Amino acid sequence: MALVKRFFLILFLSLLASLGLAAPRVGLHDGYTRLVFDLPAVMSASGKLSGQTYTVQLGRALPSAAGALSAPGLSRYQISGQRLTLTLSGAGTPRLQVLPASGAVKPRLVVDVPLKAVKKAAAKKVVPAPPALVRAATSAPVTVVIDPGHGGVYPGMVSHWVTEKDVTLDVALRVRDKLQARGVKVIMTRSGDTQISTDLASDLDARSRLANNGKVGAFISIHVNSGGAGAQGIETYYFGAPMQSDSRTLAVTENGGGSLGLELTKRASTTAQNLLGDLVAQAKLTFSRDLATRVQQNLVRATGAVNRGVKSDTFVVILHPTTPAILTEIGFGTSDDEGPKLALPAYRDRIAAAIADAVATYLHVK
């Protein structure tokens, strides 16, 4: 049954892709649900609320699409020509925003649906946002969780040049400083050579659950890869069924290695299979994939490293978050080329800047 669900999910997404329009991405936030539709170009948009129906008039026609939305405040969407219709189950008037393209990211129509009533306001035409991406106004700063992989009694990868726990902490602290300079609130899973728990399964679980307070915008776990002397490159993961068999070895390693790592990976794999039929969960994973893509592109551009791509796999540390969560392998510490580079503060700073810029752009923080 799980395989059948997966087949039809892939078929559905492939059909939408062939029409040039992806299903809307769904984000769950404190007080509102966010829908994001990719657009072929920047266009005008105006909305009108009538009962539980919110109609958006677009500046140009889009391919027809429709589907159920199992998310708070929403039950269905439909696109027909220049009209987008949302069936609401919450209260209050949604907020519209059109964001321009940014690098490889297409223009987007963003619809924030409040989960409680707000004072009625007249429908007004939305003007496309200026080139600088603008985040929806909020009284609280965006919060990001940064997880420096391993630490304390868990050294991670060890080579002639570097030890993983030292590199990940140094890079993570640099990311923290750069994000804080932009007004982002940062929660660190560790700020020194420590671990949350000496029980590895509990340690990984606790790190992951730090992102589950409902107010976190992103969870970033930073790691260093290992392999043969010739292995090199950067790769970034989001949670899900593995795309290829060779990544399973990495998942087992990052999940603790040995019999424990294998057991945790098996459990996570069961979770990944169960998520295939959950549309809300799939929407969250889509957000994670988008974040992973931004981070991967920035890292490769900043370092010139081999692009090993964006992939999904069953890493326990990104299993639980209800927010976009990724794990990035910033290079091979065992590589004759990348090992020495990862030992250099200047190279680590380039990596940190690339991650911070990608996260800030993703969250619409200047």
Protein backbone atom coordinates (compact mmCIF):
# COMPACT_ATOMS: atom_id res chain seq x y z
CA MET A 1 0.00 0.00 0.00
CA ALA A 2 2.86 2.39 0.86
CA LEU A 3 4.42 1.76 -2.55
CA VAL A 4 1.09 2.45 -4.27
CA LYS A 5 0.71 5.75 -2.37
CA ARG A 6 4.24 6.71 -3.28
CA PHE A 7 3.65 5.88 -6.95
CA PHE A 8 0.56 8.06 -7.21
CA LEU A 9 2.21 10.92 -5.29
CA ILE A 10 5.14 10.91 -7.71
CA LEU A 11 2.76 10.64 -10.67
CA PHE A 12 0.71 13.59 -9.39
CA LEU A 13 3.76 15.80 -8.85
CA SER A 14 5.18 14.82 -12.24
CA LEU A 15 1.92 15.77 -13.93
CA LEU A 16 1.93 19.18 -12.25
CA ALA A 17 5.56 19.68 -13.22
CA SER A 18 4.75 18.89 -16.84
CA LEU A 19 2.15 21.66 -16.76
CA GLY A 20 4.76 24.11 -15.51
CA LEU A 21 3.10 24.58 -12.11
CA ALA A 22 4.04 22.91 -8.83
CA ALA A 23 1.53 22.15 -6.08
CA PRO A 24 1.45 24.92 -3.48
CA ARG A 25 3.93 24.63 -0.64
CA VAL A 26 2.37 24.80 2.81
CA GLY A 27 4.05 26.30 5.85
CA LEU A 28 2.62 26.17 9.36
CA HIS A 29 3.44 29.25 11.44
CA ASP A 30 2.39 30.79 14.73
CA GLY A 31 -1.06 32.24 14.06
CA TYR A 32 -1.24 31.63 10.32
CA THR A 33 -0.77 29.11 7.52
CA ARG A 34 1.31 30.13 4.51
CA LEU A 35 0.71 28.97 0.93
CA VAL A 36 3.38 29.56 -1.71
CA PHE A 37 2.66 29.19 -5.43
CA ASP A 38 5.48 29.33 -7.98
CA LEU A 39 4.73 31.77 -10.81
CA PRO A 40 6.09 31.87 -14.38
CA ALA A 41 6.68 35.60 -13.99
CA VAL A 42 6.03 38.51 -11.62
CA MET A 43 2.39 39.60 -11.96
CA SER A 44 -0.27 41.64 -10.21
CA ALA A 45 -2.68 39.97 -7.79
CA SER A 46 -5.70 41.18 -5.83
CA GLY A 47 -7.83 39.27 -3.36
CA LYS A 48 -11.43 39.32 -2.18
CA LEU A 49 -13.02 37.43 0.71
CA SER A 50 -16.63 36.23 0.51
CA GLY A 51 -17.70 34.02 3.38
CA GLN A 52 -15.25 31.13 3.49
CA THR A 53 -14.07 31.66 -0.10
CA TYR A 54 -11.03 33.78 -0.90
CA THR A 55 -10.62 34.65 -4.58
CA VAL A 56 -7.36 35.96 -6.03
CA GLN A 57 -7.45 37.67 -9.42
CA LEU A 58 -4.10 37.25 -11.19
CA GLY A 59 -2.50 39.37 -13.88
CA ARG A 60 -2.16 36.43 -16.26
CA ALA A 61 -3.57 32.94 -16.71
CA LEU A 62 -1.96 29.91 -15.07
CA PRO A 63 -2.33 26.19 -15.87
CA SER A 64 -5.42 24.71 -14.23
CA ALA A 65 -4.87 22.83 -10.98
CA ALA A 66 -6.87 21.85 -7.91
CA GLY A 67 -6.53 19.80 -4.77
CA ALA A 68 -7.34 19.31 -1.11
CA LEU A 69 -5.32 21.14 1.55
CA SER A 70 -5.21 19.37 4.91
CA ALA A 71 -3.78 22.37 6.73
CA PRO A 72 -5.10 24.65 9.49
CA GLY A 73 -7.37 27.36 8.04
CA LEU A 74 -7.61 25.79 4.58
CA SER A 75 -9.42 22.91 2.92
CA ARG A 76 -8.98 23.31 -0.85
CA TYR A 77 -7.44 25.36 -3.66
CA GLN A 78 -8.34 25.70 -7.35
CA ILE A 79 -6.62 27.54 -10.20
CA SER A 80 -8.59 28.32 -13.34
CA GLY A 81 -7.24 30.82 -15.84
CA GLN A 82 -6.48 34.06 -14.02
CA ARG A 83 -8.36 33.06 -10.88
CA LEU A 84 -7.13 31.29 -7.76
CA THR A 85 -9.85 30.20 -5.34
CA LEU A 86 -9.12 29.13 -1.77
CA THR A 87 -11.70 27.46 0.44
CA LEU A 88 -11.03 28.55 4.01
CA SER A 89 -11.85 26.91 7.30
CA GLY A 90 -10.33 29.57 9.52
CA ALA A 91 -11.15 33.22 10.16
CA GLY A 92 -9.88 36.55 8.98
CA THR A 93 -8.76 37.95 5.64
CA PRO A 94 -5.66 36.38 4.04
CA ARG A 95 -2.64 38.54 3.18
CA LEU A 96 -1.21 38.52 -0.35
CA GLN A 97 2.34 39.12 -1.49
CA VAL A 98 4.10 38.63 -4.84
CA LEU A 99 7.83 38.03 -4.55
CA PRO A 100 10.20 38.39 -7.50
CA ALA A 101 12.65 35.76 -8.68
CA SER A 102 15.85 35.39 -6.68
CA GLY A 103 18.66 33.45 -8.29
CA ALA A 104 17.33 30.03 -9.28
CA VAL A 105 14.10 30.56 -7.31
CA LYS A 106 11.05 31.50 -9.39
CA PRO A 107 8.68 34.40 -8.62
CA ARG A 108 6.14 33.39 -5.98
CA LEU A 109 2.63 34.24 -4.88
CA VAL A 110 2.51 34.08 -1.08
CA VAL A 111 -0.84 33.82 0.74
CA ASP A 112 -0.88 34.01 4.53
CA VAL A 113 -4.15 32.69 6.00
CA PRO A 114 -4.78 33.86 9.60
CA LEU A 115 -6.09 31.28 12.04
CA LYS A 116 -8.06 33.80 14.09
CA ALA A 117 -10.26 36.72 13.15
CA VAL A 118 -8.74 40.12 12.48
CA LYS A 119 -10.43 43.44 11.72
CA LYS A 120 -11.89 43.46 8.21
CA ALA A 121 -10.03 45.48 5.64
CA ALA A 122 -11.02 46.44 2.13
CA ALA A 123 -9.55 44.23 -0.58
CA LYS A 124 -6.62 45.94 -2.15
CA LYS A 125 -4.46 45.27 -5.15
CA VAL A 126 -1.09 43.80 -4.37
CA VAL A 127 1.92 45.45 -5.97
CA PRO A 128 4.88 43.12 -6.59
CA ALA A 129 7.49 43.40 -3.85
CA PRO A 130 10.69 45.31 -4.60
CA PRO A 131 13.78 43.32 -5.63
CA ALA A 132 14.85 42.99 -1.99
CA LEU A 133 12.71 40.16 -0.61
CA VAL A 134 10.40 41.34 2.13
CA ARG A 135 9.38 39.16 5.03
CA ALA A 136 5.84 39.51 6.40
CA ALA A 137 5.79 42.01 9.25
CA THR A 138 6.05 40.45 12.69
CA SER A 139 6.71 41.73 16.18
CA ALA A 140 9.15 38.92 16.97
CA PRO A 141 12.43 38.14 15.21
CA VAL A 142 12.78 35.07 13.04
CA THR A 143 14.24 32.13 14.98
CA VAL A 144 16.66 29.59 13.52
CA VAL A 145 18.13 26.49 15.17
CA ILE A 146 21.75 25.72 14.26
CA ASP A 147 23.04 22.24 15.06
CA PRO A 148 26.82 21.71 14.97
CA GLY A 149 27.03 17.97 14.28
CA HIS A 150 28.47 15.66 16.96
CA GLY A 151 30.39 17.17 19.94
CA GLY A 152 31.57 16.10 23.37
CA VAL A 153 31.94 12.32 23.48
CA TYR A 154 30.92 12.08 19.81
CA PRO A 155 33.85 13.32 17.70
CA GLY A 156 32.38 12.33 14.34
CA MET A 157 34.78 12.09 11.41
CA VAL A 158 38.50 12.25 12.32
CA SER A 159 41.26 12.71 9.72
CA HIS A 160 44.86 13.92 9.49
CA TRP A 161 43.58 17.47 9.07
CA VAL A 162 40.37 17.92 11.04
CA THR A 163 37.95 16.48 13.57
CA GLU A 164 34.31 16.86 12.57
CA LYS A 165 32.99 18.14 15.90
CA ASP A 166 35.53 20.99 15.90
CA VAL A 167 34.83 22.09 12.32
CA THR A 168 31.05 21.96 12.68
CA LEU A 169 31.12 24.01 15.89
CA ASP A 170 33.40 26.66 14.39
CA VAL A 171 31.27 26.98 11.24
CA ALA A 172 28.02 26.97 13.24
CA LEU A 173 29.20 29.76 15.53
CA ARG A 174 30.16 31.81 12.48
CA VAL A 175 26.70 31.19 10.97
CA ARG A 176 25.14 32.24 14.28
CA ASP A 177 27.07 35.51 14.37
CA LYS A 178 26.20 36.38 10.77
CA LEU A 179 22.49 35.67 11.26
CA GLN A 180 22.35 37.56 14.55
CA ALA A 181 23.89 40.55 12.79
CA ARG A 182 20.76 40.53 10.57
CA GLY A 183 18.41 40.45 13.53
CA VAL A 184 17.74 36.69 13.49
CA LYS A 185 17.34 34.91 16.82
CA VAL A 186 19.56 31.80 16.87
CA ILE A 187 19.24 28.75 19.10
CA MET A 188 22.36 26.55 19.21
CA THR A 189 22.06 22.85 20.02
CA ARG A 190 25.55 23.25 21.50
CA SER A 191 27.92 26.20 21.87
CA GLY A 192 30.96 24.27 23.06
CA ASP A 193 32.54 20.82 22.93
CA THR A 194 29.59 19.14 24.60
CA GLN A 195 26.68 16.83 23.87
CA ILE A 196 23.06 17.03 25.01
CA SER A 197 23.08 13.43 26.20
CA THR A 198 25.67 10.67 26.48
CA ASP A 199 22.99 8.35 25.10
CA LEU A 200 23.32 8.87 21.36
CA ALA A 201 19.70 8.13 20.46
CA SER A 202 18.54 10.61 23.11
CA ASP A 203 21.11 13.17 21.95
CA LEU A 204 19.92 13.10 18.32
CA ASP A 205 16.27 13.17 19.36
CA ALA A 206 16.79 16.15 21.71
CA ARG A 207 18.62 18.15 19.03
CA SER A 208 15.80 17.56 16.58
CA ARG A 209 13.06 18.50 19.01
CA LEU A 210 14.61 21.91 19.76
CA ALA A 211 12.94 23.06 16.54
CA ASN A 212 9.46 22.03 17.62
CA ASN A 213 8.30 25.05 19.63
CA GLY A 214 6.16 26.35 16.75
CA LYS A 215 8.14 29.58 16.30
CA VAL A 216 11.26 28.33 14.52
CA GLY A 217 11.79 29.31 10.89
CA ALA A 218 14.49 26.77 9.99
CA PHE A 219 16.68 23.99 11.42
CA ILE A 220 20.23 23.60 10.01
CA SER A 221 22.44 20.65 10.98
CA ILE A 222 26.07 21.03 9.88
CA HIS A 223 28.33 18.02 9.28
CA VAL A 224 31.63 16.98 7.66
CA ASN A 225 31.66 13.99 5.32
CA SER A 226 34.07 11.07 5.22
CA GLY A 227 35.22 8.74 2.49
CA GLY A 228 38.28 7.77 0.48
CA ALA A 229 41.13 10.20 -0.13
CA GLY A 230 39.64 11.06 -3.53
CA ALA A 231 36.07 11.63 -2.32
CA GLN A 232 35.07 15.29 -2.36
CA GLY A 233 32.19 17.69 -2.71
CA ILE A 234 29.25 19.17 -0.84
CA GLU A 235 25.78 17.67 -0.48
CA THR A 236 22.69 18.76 1.40
CA TYR A 237 19.82 16.61 2.68
CA TYR A 238 16.21 16.94 3.75
CA PHE A 239 14.26 14.17 5.49
CA GLY A 240 12.63 11.49 3.38
CA ALA A 241 13.08 8.12 1.73
CA PRO A 242 16.62 7.84 0.32
CA MET A 243 16.99 8.65 -3.38
CA GLN A 244 19.88 6.26 -3.86
CA SER A 245 21.37 3.31 -2.02
CA ASP A 246 24.84 4.79 -1.47
CA SER A 247 23.48 7.51 0.83
CA ARG A 248 22.13 4.88 3.23
CA THR A 249 25.66 4.24 4.49
CA LEU A 250 25.99 7.96 5.31
CA ALA A 251 22.63 7.97 7.13
CA VAL A 252 23.69 5.00 9.27
CA THR A 253 26.98 6.76 10.06
CA GLU A 254 25.39 10.09 11.02
CA ASN A 255 22.75 8.24 13.03
CA GLY A 256 25.49 6.80 15.24
CA GLY A 257 27.06 4.03 13.20
CA GLY A 258 27.15 0.33 14.00
CA SER A 259 24.09 -1.56 15.17
CA LEU A 260 22.58 1.53 16.85
CA GLY A 261 22.92 3.62 13.70
CA LEU A 262 21.37 0.83 11.65
CA GLU A 263 18.45 0.47 14.06
CA LEU A 264 17.78 4.23 14.19
CA THR A 265 17.96 4.41 10.40
CA LYS A 266 15.44 1.59 10.07
CA ARG A 267 13.04 3.42 12.41
CA ALA A 268 13.49 6.66 10.50
CA SER A 269 12.89 4.81 7.22
CA THR A 270 9.54 3.59 8.53
CA THR A 271 8.63 7.17 9.41
CA ALA A 272 9.64 8.32 5.91
CA GLN A 273 7.39 5.69 4.31
CA ASN A 274 4.46 6.66 6.54
CA LEU A 275 4.80 10.32 5.48
CA LEU A 276 4.23 9.52 1.81
CA GLY A 277 0.44 9.61 2.17
CA ASP A 278 0.38 12.68 4.44
CA LEU A 279 -0.13 15.79 2.29
CA VAL A 280 0.69 18.22 5.11
CA ALA A 281 3.90 16.36 5.90
CA GLN A 282 4.80 16.30 2.22
CA ALA A 283 4.26 20.06 2.06
CA LYS A 284 6.66 20.53 4.98
CA LEU A 285 9.23 18.34 3.23
CA THR A 286 8.85 20.49 0.12
CA PHE A 287 9.82 23.54 2.16
CA SER A 288 12.82 21.63 3.50
CA ARG A 289 13.84 20.68 -0.03
CA ASP A 290 13.63 24.32 -1.11
CA LEU A 291 15.80 25.41 1.81
CA ALA A 292 18.28 22.61 1.05
CA THR A 293 18.47 23.76 -2.58
CA ARG A 294 19.29 27.33 -1.58
CA VAL A 295 21.97 26.26 0.87
CA GLN A 296 23.52 23.79 -1.57
CA GLN A 297 23.67 26.36 -4.39
CA ASN A 298 25.26 28.98 -2.15
CA LEU A 299 27.85 26.57 -0.76
CA VAL A 300 28.95 25.31 -4.17
CA ARG A 301 29.10 28.85 -5.54
CA ALA A 302 31.14 30.12 -2.56
CA THR A 303 33.64 27.26 -2.42
CA GLY A 304 33.90 25.96 -5.97
CA ALA A 305 33.46 22.45 -4.51
CA VAL A 306 32.03 19.52 -6.44
CA ASN A 307 28.23 19.70 -6.40
CA ARG A 308 26.98 16.36 -5.06
CA GLY A 309 23.42 17.64 -5.11
CA VAL A 310 20.34 17.88 -2.91
CA LYS A 311 19.05 14.55 -1.66
CA SER A 312 16.62 13.03 0.82
CA ASP A 313 17.48 10.45 3.45
CA THR A 314 16.53 9.24 6.90
CA PHE A 315 18.73 11.29 9.23
CA VAL A 316 17.28 11.16 12.74
CA VAL A 317 18.37 14.71 13.62
CA ILE A 318 16.01 16.16 10.97
CA LEU A 319 13.20 13.65 11.50
CA HIS A 320 11.03 15.50 14.04
CA PRO A 321 11.04 19.23 13.23
CA THR A 322 7.71 20.75 12.19
CA THR A 323 9.72 23.45 10.43
CA PRO A 324 12.00 23.32 7.35
CA ALA A 325 14.95 21.16 8.40
CA ILE A 326 18.12 20.21 6.52
CA LEU A 327 21.46 18.51 7.08
CA THR A 328 24.42 19.76 5.05
CA GLU A 329 27.72 17.91 4.56
CA ILE A 330 30.12 20.80 3.93
CA GLY A 331 32.94 18.72 2.51
CA PHE A 332 35.07 15.61 3.01
CA GLY A 333 37.46 15.91 5.93
CA THR A 334 39.22 12.81 4.62
CA SER A 335 39.86 14.35 1.19
CA ASP A 336 43.41 15.29 0.19
CA ASP A 337 41.90 18.46 -1.27
CA GLU A 338 39.08 19.41 1.08
CA GLY A 339 40.59 18.19 4.37
CA PRO A 340 43.29 20.90 4.42
CA LYS A 341 40.78 23.53 3.28
CA LEU A 342 38.38 22.69 6.11
CA ALA A 343 41.23 23.35 8.54
CA LEU A 344 41.49 26.97 7.35
CA PRO A 345 39.46 29.66 9.22
CA ALA A 346 39.03 31.69 6.02
CA TYR A 347 37.52 28.72 4.17
CA ARG A 348 35.19 27.97 7.07
CA ASP A 349 34.06 31.60 7.06
CA ARG A 350 33.15 31.35 3.37
CA ILE A 351 31.07 28.28 4.16
CA ALA A 352 29.37 30.04 7.08
CA ALA A 353 28.61 33.12 4.97
CA ALA A 354 27.08 30.94 2.25
CA ILE A 355 24.82 29.15 4.73
CA ALA A 356 23.79 32.36 6.51
CA ASP A 357 22.99 34.16 3.24
CA ALA A 358 20.91 31.21 2.00
CA VAL A 359 18.92 30.99 5.25
CA ALA A 360 18.35 34.76 5.37
CA THR A 361 17.16 34.82 1.77
CA TYR A 362 14.88 31.85 2.34
CA LEU A 363 13.30 33.53 5.36
CA HIS A 364 13.06 36.92 3.59
CA VAL A 365 15.43 38.56 6.07
CA LYS A 366 17.50 41.46 4.74
